């Protein structure tokens, strides 16, 4: 026996079903939009990565045009940003946000993570200063170096460091095991590359070393680079589609030539034929941080020559480095550009620490300068081959620096000139923290599953 359902209840049930269906569709629509937006974002990231992979500038003209775009419109704003990061990191340490906090904003950004080895690319988001936008190979895949040989600089074997760095696509380069790599010729890098030596012990030594020429977005992290030799008068490959004749290289540990967005961090550098880090020929947007420099004469040259005025666009941040045992001079030696020297530990020099010519702007803040015993080498600064009448208006200042063992810094310029008006001070407390902030300079002893 069936029961008849009144017509009005059929209408009510139908209306309820329709309303429920409309509600489900309505609440589902945002998810559909989100998926569509996510797809667009992924496609945009792929397009950006593809664009990055084609940006290896191989001519002077292309490099110059790119480097001009890399110059900060207001260098003092970048200086202020570095100072803000330092203050914020110090505050986080005081509040106990990071159990491993040191006040070093680069290290506190990533080193506290015990899973750093699973999150390696996070490093690319931790840069500060003029080179803060260097992303290296962040948007590319990982490349694992398995072969320490360098038999053929024109046709490098897959799995070697040389084969990795010449590729056109962005790459984050890591190492399968400890290695000593003796390069037959200089290692010519392509754009958008990170060399990441964390977790293993990698030495580039006793041969050619690293050349960053007419490229952009390179990060060098966690390498021992030492005993570099002059090489050249040979064919060397610089990309999958190009190799050419190289004249003699000077034997720098890291040579930056006409390049921009470069970050050199946590390396140990010593005893090379020429410089340890040289940046010349219009290079800019560079940060040199957390490195340990030892046993070398002319440590760092920033600027090609007094007559090469294109280096007026050069902007370099030198932060949290330890200038250590056996160093003599050029920490750095500057020409033309704008140089922020912040929170470094100068424990050794034999002639001078910071020098320059051709009217560079040098902003020294919160460093610790410990003068040598030699009573004739107490001065931090040196104006190279320039009469006092010519350098008295150069903007060189010391602010919040700790000058120990008789060290003294000779300032010049207007002091409160427009060059410094928008730069905030680190304060005296910062120099007292230099020991903690630079205690782990150089290559770190990182182990998987532990804070680095």
Protein backbone atom coordinates (compact mmCIF):
# COMPACT_ATOMS: atom_id res chain seq x y z
CA UNK A 1 0.00 0.00 0.00
CA UNK A 2 1.43 3.38 -0.96
CA UNK A 3 0.89 6.66 0.81
CA UNK A 4 0.08 9.71 -1.27
CA UNK A 5 2.34 12.73 -0.66
CA UNK A 6 0.58 16.07 -0.80
CA UNK A 7 1.66 18.26 -3.69
CA UNK A 8 2.77 21.11 -1.38
CA UNK A 9 5.35 18.88 0.38
CA UNK A 10 6.77 17.82 -2.98
CA UNK A 11 7.33 21.49 -3.77
CA UNK A 12 8.98 22.13 -0.39
CA UNK A 13 11.35 19.15 -0.76
CA UNK A 14 12.25 20.27 -4.28
CA UNK A 15 13.02 23.78 -3.09
CA UNK A 16 15.25 22.50 -0.27
CA UNK A 17 17.19 20.29 -2.66
CA UNK A 18 17.70 23.19 -5.06
CA UNK A 19 18.91 25.45 -2.24
CA UNK A 20 21.34 22.82 -0.96
CA UNK A 21 22.74 22.31 -4.46
CA UNK A 22 23.18 26.05 -4.98
CA UNK A 23 24.92 26.34 -1.61
CA UNK A 24 27.35 23.55 -2.44
CA UNK A 25 28.17 25.10 -5.80
CA UNK A 26 28.59 28.53 -4.24
CA UNK A 27 30.96 27.28 -1.54
CA UNK A 28 32.91 25.28 -4.11
CA UNK A 29 33.59 28.17 -6.45
CA UNK A 30 36.40 29.78 -4.40
CA UNK A 31 38.35 26.48 -4.48
CA UNK A 32 38.03 26.35 -8.25
CA UNK A 33 39.24 29.94 -8.50
CA UNK A 34 42.11 29.14 -6.14
CA UNK A 35 43.22 26.18 -8.25
CA UNK A 36 43.03 28.33 -11.36
CA UNK A 37 45.07 31.07 -9.67
CA UNK A 38 47.60 28.51 -8.43
CA UNK A 39 47.95 27.17 -11.96
CA UNK A 40 48.57 30.68 -13.24
CA UNK A 41 51.16 31.26 -10.49
CA UNK A 42 52.99 28.03 -11.35
CA UNK A 43 52.94 28.97 -15.03
CA UNK A 44 54.24 32.44 -14.14
CA UNK A 45 57.05 30.91 -12.08
CA UNK A 46 57.94 28.64 -14.98
CA UNK A 47 58.04 31.64 -17.30
CA UNK A 48 60.24 33.52 -14.81
CA UNK A 49 62.58 30.55 -14.47
CA UNK A 50 62.75 30.24 -18.24
CA UNK A 51 63.53 33.94 -18.47
CA UNK A 52 66.26 33.58 -15.84
CA UNK A 53 67.88 30.74 -17.74
CA UNK A 54 68.47 32.92 -20.79
CA UNK A 55 70.01 35.90 -19.00
CA UNK A 56 73.68 34.93 -19.08
CA UNK A 57 75.12 38.15 -20.47
CA UNK A 58 78.18 37.34 -22.57
CA UNK A 59 79.17 40.76 -23.89
CA UNK A 60 80.42 43.90 -22.22
CA UNK A 61 77.46 45.89 -23.56
CA UNK A 62 74.83 43.48 -22.24
CA UNK A 63 76.53 43.24 -18.86
CA UNK A 64 76.85 47.01 -18.53
CA UNK A 65 73.17 47.51 -19.30
CA UNK A 66 72.14 44.90 -16.74
CA UNK A 67 74.52 46.21 -14.08
CA UNK A 68 73.18 49.75 -14.45
CA UNK A 69 69.71 48.43 -13.63
CA UNK A 70 71.13 46.64 -10.58
CA UNK A 71 72.41 49.86 -9.01
CA UNK A 72 70.29 50.94 -6.06
CA UNK A 73 68.59 54.26 -6.73
CA UNK A 74 69.35 55.28 -3.15
CA UNK A 75 72.35 53.45 -1.65
CA UNK A 76 71.61 54.89 1.79
CA UNK A 77 68.23 53.12 1.81
CA UNK A 78 70.07 49.82 1.41
CA UNK A 79 72.42 50.79 4.24
CA UNK A 80 69.41 51.56 6.44
CA UNK A 81 67.86 48.21 5.51
CA UNK A 82 71.01 46.35 6.61
CA UNK A 83 70.97 48.24 9.90
CA UNK A 84 67.29 47.46 10.44
CA UNK A 85 67.91 43.74 9.83
CA UNK A 86 70.72 43.78 12.37
CA UNK A 87 68.59 45.52 14.98
CA UNK A 88 65.65 43.19 14.36
CA UNK A 89 67.88 40.13 14.62
CA UNK A 90 69.36 41.45 17.86
CA UNK A 91 65.88 42.03 19.28
CA UNK A 92 64.81 38.49 18.35
CA UNK A 93 67.87 37.15 20.13
CA UNK A 94 67.03 39.16 23.25
CA UNK A 95 63.45 37.88 23.19
CA UNK A 96 64.57 34.28 22.73
CA UNK A 97 62.83 33.67 19.43
CA UNK A 98 65.88 31.75 18.18
CA UNK A 99 67.68 29.35 20.48
CA UNK A 100 70.77 29.64 18.27
CA UNK A 101 70.46 33.37 17.60
CA UNK A 102 73.68 35.36 17.36
CA UNK A 103 72.37 38.71 16.16
CA UNK A 104 73.80 37.92 12.72
CA UNK A 105 70.71 38.36 10.52
CA UNK A 106 71.98 36.10 7.72
CA UNK A 107 72.78 33.16 9.99
CA UNK A 108 69.71 33.60 12.17
CA UNK A 109 67.61 33.41 9.00
CA UNK A 110 68.49 29.75 8.26
CA UNK A 111 71.04 28.14 10.59
CA UNK A 112 68.60 27.37 13.40
CA UNK A 113 66.71 24.91 11.20
CA UNK A 114 67.84 21.30 11.87
CA UNK A 115 66.36 20.41 8.48
CA UNK A 116 68.49 22.95 6.61
CA UNK A 117 69.60 20.19 4.22
CA UNK A 118 65.97 19.72 3.14
CA UNK A 119 65.47 23.47 2.83
CA UNK A 120 68.74 24.48 1.19
CA UNK A 121 67.19 27.07 -1.10
CA UNK A 122 65.95 29.05 1.89
CA UNK A 123 69.45 30.51 1.97
CA UNK A 124 68.66 32.54 -1.15
CA UNK A 125 66.07 34.52 0.83
CA UNK A 126 68.53 35.43 3.61
CA UNK A 127 70.78 37.89 1.80
CA UNK A 128 71.27 41.48 2.96
CA UNK A 129 72.98 44.60 1.72
CA UNK A 130 73.70 45.55 -1.86
CA UNK A 131 73.76 41.90 -2.98
CA UNK A 132 70.48 41.08 -1.24
CA UNK A 133 68.66 40.28 -4.50
CA UNK A 134 71.11 37.60 -5.62
CA UNK A 135 68.97 34.47 -5.91
CA UNK A 136 71.54 32.19 -7.51
CA UNK A 137 69.94 28.95 -8.65
CA UNK A 138 66.91 29.21 -6.38
CA UNK A 139 64.42 28.79 -9.22
CA UNK A 140 66.17 25.81 -10.79
CA UNK A 141 66.76 22.16 -10.01
CA UNK A 142 69.53 20.64 -7.91
CA UNK A 143 72.73 19.47 -9.58
CA UNK A 144 74.85 17.00 -7.58
CA UNK A 145 78.58 17.10 -8.29
CA UNK A 146 79.87 13.52 -8.16
CA UNK A 147 83.24 13.86 -9.93
CA UNK A 148 86.12 16.01 -8.65
CA UNK A 149 88.10 15.85 -11.89
CA UNK A 150 88.64 18.62 -14.45
CA UNK A 151 90.32 16.84 -17.34
CA UNK A 152 88.93 18.88 -20.24
CA UNK A 153 87.91 22.55 -19.73
CA UNK A 154 86.37 22.65 -23.22
CA UNK A 155 84.30 19.46 -22.93
CA UNK A 156 83.68 18.98 -19.20
CA UNK A 157 82.42 15.61 -18.04
CA UNK A 158 78.83 15.48 -16.67
CA UNK A 159 78.93 15.32 -12.89
CA UNK A 160 81.87 17.72 -12.58
CA UNK A 161 81.69 21.20 -11.09
CA UNK A 162 82.69 22.75 -14.41
CA UNK A 163 79.87 20.96 -16.23
CA UNK A 164 77.43 22.29 -13.62
CA UNK A 165 78.40 25.96 -13.62
CA UNK A 166 78.36 26.46 -17.41
CA UNK A 167 74.75 25.35 -17.91
CA UNK A 168 72.23 27.93 -19.13
CA UNK A 169 69.42 26.92 -16.76
CA UNK A 170 69.33 28.03 -13.10
CA UNK A 171 70.97 25.37 -10.88
CA UNK A 172 71.54 24.85 -7.16
CA UNK A 173 74.83 22.94 -7.12
CA UNK A 174 75.68 20.59 -4.21
CA UNK A 175 78.30 17.90 -3.66
CA UNK A 176 77.88 14.16 -3.09
CA UNK A 177 80.94 13.85 -0.83
CA UNK A 178 84.08 15.61 0.39
CA UNK A 179 86.24 16.74 -2.54
CA UNK A 180 89.46 18.49 -3.45
CA UNK A 181 88.97 20.03 -6.89
CA UNK A 182 92.09 21.10 -8.77
CA UNK A 183 90.94 23.09 -11.78
CA UNK A 184 93.09 23.04 -14.91
CA UNK A 185 91.75 26.47 -15.92
CA UNK A 186 89.62 29.17 -14.29
CA UNK A 187 86.04 28.10 -13.57
CA UNK A 188 83.87 30.40 -15.70
CA UNK A 189 80.37 30.61 -14.27
CA UNK A 190 77.06 31.14 -16.01
CA UNK A 191 74.18 33.18 -14.55
CA UNK A 192 71.71 31.99 -11.90
CA UNK A 193 73.94 29.50 -10.13
CA UNK A 194 74.47 28.65 -6.46
CA UNK A 195 77.50 26.62 -5.39
CA UNK A 196 76.52 25.23 -1.98
CA UNK A 197 79.21 23.32 -0.07
CA UNK A 198 77.24 22.81 3.15
CA UNK A 199 77.39 19.36 4.71
CA UNK A 200 80.62 18.31 2.97
CA UNK A 201 84.22 19.51 2.90
CA UNK A 202 84.99 20.96 -0.54
CA UNK A 203 88.33 22.55 -1.45
CA UNK A 204 89.05 24.37 -4.69
CA UNK A 205 92.82 24.55 -4.58
CA UNK A 206 96.18 24.41 -6.33
CA UNK A 207 94.91 25.44 -9.75
CA UNK A 208 92.49 27.81 -11.39
CA UNK A 209 89.67 29.26 -9.30
CA UNK A 210 86.33 31.04 -9.77
CA UNK A 211 85.60 33.67 -12.45
CA UNK A 212 82.23 35.47 -12.49
CA UNK A 213 82.35 37.43 -15.74
CA UNK A 214 79.51 39.32 -17.48
CA UNK A 215 76.84 37.33 -15.61
CA UNK A 216 74.29 37.90 -12.88
CA UNK A 217 72.77 36.20 -9.82
CA UNK A 218 75.52 34.01 -8.41
CA UNK A 219 75.84 32.72 -4.82
CA UNK A 220 79.09 31.13 -3.60
CA UNK A 221 78.66 29.48 -0.20
CA UNK A 222 80.60 27.06 1.96
CA UNK A 223 83.83 26.50 0.01
CA UNK A 224 87.49 26.36 0.98
CA UNK A 225 89.30 28.28 -1.77
CA UNK A 226 93.06 28.53 -1.50
CA UNK A 227 96.39 28.33 -3.30
CA UNK A 228 94.87 29.55 -6.56
CA UNK A 229 97.35 29.80 -9.44
CA UNK A 230 97.52 31.91 -12.61
CA UNK A 231 96.09 29.97 -15.53
CA UNK A 232 95.20 30.75 -19.12
CA UNK A 233 96.44 30.85 -22.69
CA UNK A 234 93.97 28.06 -23.29
CA UNK A 235 90.48 27.31 -24.56
CA UNK A 236 87.80 27.22 -21.84
CA UNK A 237 84.05 26.61 -22.10
CA UNK A 238 81.74 29.23 -20.57
CA UNK A 239 78.33 27.86 -21.67
CA UNK A 240 76.96 24.82 -23.51
CA UNK A 241 77.15 26.77 -26.77
CA UNK A 242 80.37 28.76 -26.33
CA UNK A 243 84.04 28.26 -25.59
CA UNK A 244 86.90 30.59 -26.35
CA UNK A 245 90.51 31.54 -25.83
CA UNK A 246 91.36 32.80 -22.35
CA UNK A 247 94.39 34.96 -21.74
CA UNK A 248 96.27 34.63 -18.46
CA UNK A 249 94.14 34.92 -15.31
CA UNK A 250 95.72 36.54 -12.25
CA UNK A 251 95.04 33.73 -9.79
CA UNK A 252 92.24 35.32 -7.73
CA UNK A 253 90.17 33.08 -5.49
CA UNK A 254 86.98 34.79 -6.73
CA UNK A 255 87.14 37.26 -9.61
CA UNK A 256 83.98 39.32 -10.25
CA UNK A 257 84.20 41.06 -13.62
CA UNK A 258 81.38 43.16 -15.09
CA UNK A 259 78.75 41.26 -13.07
CA UNK A 260 75.90 42.04 -10.69
CA UNK A 261 73.77 40.50 -7.92
CA UNK A 262 76.62 38.47 -6.44
CA UNK A 263 76.73 37.04 -2.91
CA UNK A 264 79.90 35.48 -1.43
CA UNK A 265 79.06 33.96 1.97
CA UNK A 266 80.67 31.64 4.56
CA UNK A 267 83.79 30.71 2.60
CA UNK A 268 87.34 30.24 3.87
CA UNK A 269 89.85 31.94 1.56
CA UNK A 270 93.64 32.12 1.74
CA UNK A 271 97.00 32.20 0.01
CA UNK A 272 96.24 32.89 -3.65
CA UNK A 273 98.46 34.34 -6.36
CA UNK A 274 96.58 37.65 -6.58
CA UNK A 275 93.41 38.67 -4.69
CA UNK A 276 90.99 36.68 -2.59
CA UNK A 277 87.91 38.59 -3.78
CA UNK A 278 88.29 41.12 -6.60
CA UNK A 279 85.36 43.01 -8.15
CA UNK A 280 86.09 45.20 -11.17
CA UNK A 281 84.88 46.57 -14.52
CA UNK A 282 81.46 47.89 -13.54
CA UNK A 283 80.49 45.09 -11.17
CA UNK A 284 77.86 46.05 -8.60
CA UNK A 285 75.12 44.81 -6.24
CA UNK A 286 77.57 42.64 -4.28
CA UNK A 287 77.58 41.32 -0.71
CA UNK A 288 80.67 39.69 0.82
CA UNK A 289 79.66 38.22 4.19
CA UNK A 290 80.65 35.72 6.89
CA UNK A 291 83.93 34.79 5.21
CA UNK A 292 87.23 33.99 6.93
CA UNK A 293 90.26 35.51 5.22
CA UNK A 294 93.79 34.41 6.22
CA UNK A 295 97.42 34.29 5.02
CA UNK A 296 97.33 36.68 2.11
CA UNK A 297 98.79 39.99 0.98
CA UNK A 298 96.29 41.92 -1.17
CA UNK A 299 92.98 40.60 0.15
CA UNK A 300 90.20 42.44 -1.68
CA UNK A 301 90.22 44.88 -4.60
CA UNK A 302 87.00 46.75 -5.40
CA UNK A 303 87.38 48.88 -8.52
CA UNK A 304 89.48 48.34 -11.63
CA UNK A 305 91.61 51.50 -11.82
CA UNK A 306 91.50 55.18 -10.96
CA UNK A 307 90.71 55.99 -14.58
CA UNK A 308 87.89 53.45 -15.00
CA UNK A 309 84.97 55.66 -14.02
CA UNK A 310 82.27 53.09 -14.75
CA UNK A 311 83.09 51.71 -11.30
CA UNK A 312 81.39 54.79 -9.84
CA UNK A 313 78.22 52.68 -9.93
CA UNK A 314 79.80 49.95 -7.78
CA UNK A 315 77.97 49.17 -4.52
CA UNK A 316 79.38 46.55 -2.16
CA UNK A 317 78.41 45.45 1.35
CA UNK A 318 81.16 43.81 3.44
CA UNK A 319 79.62 42.33 6.58
CA UNK A 320 80.37 39.86 9.42
CA UNK A 321 83.71 38.73 7.96
CA UNK A 322 86.78 37.81 9.98
CA UNK A 323 89.97 39.29 8.60
CA UNK A 324 92.41 37.02 10.37
CA UNK A 325 95.92 35.69 10.67
CA UNK A 326 98.60 36.52 8.14
CA UNK A 327 96.84 39.35 6.26
CA UNK A 328 98.74 42.42 5.09
CA UNK A 329 96.51 44.94 3.27
CA UNK A 330 93.40 45.67 1.14
CA UNK A 331 90.50 44.66 3.40
CA UNK A 332 89.26 46.16 1.07
CA UNK A 333 91.04 48.59 -1.27
CA UNK A 334 88.30 50.67 -2.95
CA UNK A 335 87.91 52.90 -5.99
CA UNK A 336 85.10 55.23 -7.05
CA UNK A 337 82.03 53.44 -5.66
CA UNK A 338 80.01 53.12 -2.46
CA UNK A 339 81.19 50.64 0.19
CA UNK A 340 79.46 49.68 3.42
CA UNK A 341 81.84 47.95 5.84
CA UNK A 342 79.76 46.69 8.76
CA UNK A 343 80.33 44.44 11.80
CA UNK A 344 83.55 42.83 10.62
CA UNK A 345 86.30 41.60 12.94
CA UNK A 346 89.76 42.85 11.98
CA UNK A 347 92.22 40.93 14.13
CA UNK A 348 95.29 41.13 11.88
CA UNK A 349 96.86 43.47 9.35
CA UNK A 350 100.48 44.41 8.69
CA UNK A 351 100.16 47.59 6.57
CA UNK A 352 96.56 48.85 6.77
CA UNK A 353 93.00 47.51 6.77
CA UNK A 354 90.91 49.79 4.52
CA UNK A 355 92.38 51.74 1.64
CA UNK A 356 91.27 53.56 -1.45
CA UNK A 357 91.79 56.04 -4.24
CA UNK A 358 89.68 57.88 -6.81
CA UNK A 359 87.20 59.26 -4.24
CA UNK A 360 85.29 56.20 -3.00
CA UNK A 361 82.63 56.57 -0.29
CA UNK A 362 83.49 54.32 2.66
CA UNK A 363 80.99 53.86 5.46
CA UNK A 364 82.57 51.93 8.36
CA UNK A 365 80.09 51.00 11.09
CA UNK A 366 80.21 48.71 14.10
CA UNK A 367 83.50 46.99 13.22
CA UNK A 368 86.20 45.84 15.62
CA UNK A 369 89.68 46.99 14.59
CA UNK A 370 92.52 45.46 16.60
CA UNK A 371 95.78 47.11 15.54
CA UNK A 372 99.04 45.16 15.19
CA UNK A 373 101.92 45.62 17.61
CA UNK A 374 103.94 47.55 15.02
CA UNK A 375 103.68 51.22 16.11
CA UNK A 376 103.88 52.34 12.46
CA UNK A 377 100.87 50.26 11.35
CA UNK A 378 98.19 51.37 13.79
CA UNK A 379 96.16 53.33 11.24
CA UNK A 380 93.14 51.49 9.88
CA UNK A 381 92.94 53.63 6.74
CA UNK A 382 95.20 54.47 3.82
CA UNK A 383 94.61 56.87 0.92
CA UNK A 384 96.66 55.20 -1.78
CA UNK A 385 99.04 57.43 -3.77
CA UNK A 386 96.94 60.53 -3.07
CA UNK A 387 97.96 63.83 -1.48
CA UNK A 388 95.94 65.03 1.57
CA UNK A 389 94.75 68.04 -0.36
CA UNK A 390 93.05 65.70 -2.81
CA UNK A 391 91.40 63.33 -0.33
CA UNK A 392 90.25 65.67 2.41
CA UNK A 393 86.76 65.91 0.88
CA UNK A 394 86.30 62.17 0.30
CA UNK A 395 83.46 60.72 2.37
CA UNK A 396 85.09 58.23 4.74
CA UNK A 397 83.60 57.80 8.18
CA UNK A 398 83.86 55.58 11.22
CA UNK A 399 80.72 55.23 13.31
CA UNK A 400 80.35 52.91 16.30
CA UNK A 401 83.63 51.13 15.52
CA UNK A 402 85.70 49.60 18.33
CA UNK A 403 89.31 50.73 17.90
CA UNK A 404 91.62 48.53 19.98
CA UNK A 405 95.35 48.34 20.69
CA UNK A 406 95.97 51.86 19.45
CA UNK A 407 94.06 51.53 16.18
CA UNK A 408 92.84 54.78 14.66
CA UNK A 409 90.64 55.63 11.69
CA UNK A 410 91.31 58.84 9.76
CA UNK A 411 87.95 60.22 8.58
CA UNK A 412 87.42 62.73 5.83
CA UNK A 413 84.64 64.60 4.12
CA UNK A 414 81.75 66.60 5.52
CA UNK A 415 80.62 63.96 8.01
CA UNK A 416 76.99 65.03 7.92
CA UNK A 417 76.93 65.36 4.14
CA UNK A 418 74.09 64.10 1.98
CA UNK A 419 76.07 60.89 1.45
CA UNK A 420 75.38 59.90 5.08
CA UNK A 421 72.28 61.90 6.03
CA UNK A 422 69.84 59.03 5.43
CA UNK A 423 71.99 56.28 7.03
CA UNK A 424 71.02 55.39 10.59
CA UNK A 425 73.68 54.38 13.12
CA UNK A 426 74.30 50.87 14.36
CA UNK A 427 75.10 52.24 17.80
CA UNK A 428 78.07 51.39 20.01
CA UNK A 429 76.50 48.15 21.21
CA UNK A 430 76.84 46.57 17.82
CA UNK A 431 80.65 46.56 17.87
CA UNK A 432 80.60 44.76 21.22
CA UNK A 433 78.68 41.94 19.53
CA UNK A 434 81.15 41.49 16.68
CA UNK A 435 82.86 38.55 18.39
CA UNK A 436 79.61 36.59 18.61
CA UNK A 437 78.44 37.61 15.14
CA UNK A 438 81.67 36.54 13.42
CA UNK A 439 82.57 33.55 15.62
CA UNK A 440 81.43 31.13 12.91
CA UNK A 441 82.83 32.97 9.90
CA UNK A 442 84.23 30.83 7.12
CA UNK A 443 83.06 27.35 6.17
CA UNK A 444 80.55 25.92 8.64
CA UNK A 445 80.67 22.36 9.96
CA UNK A 446 77.09 21.51 9.01
CA UNK A 447 75.65 18.06 9.72
CA UNK A 448 72.33 16.78 8.48
CA UNK A 449 69.64 16.67 11.12
CA UNK A 450 71.39 19.24 13.31
CA UNK A 451 71.41 23.01 13.46
CA UNK A 452 74.19 24.19 11.21
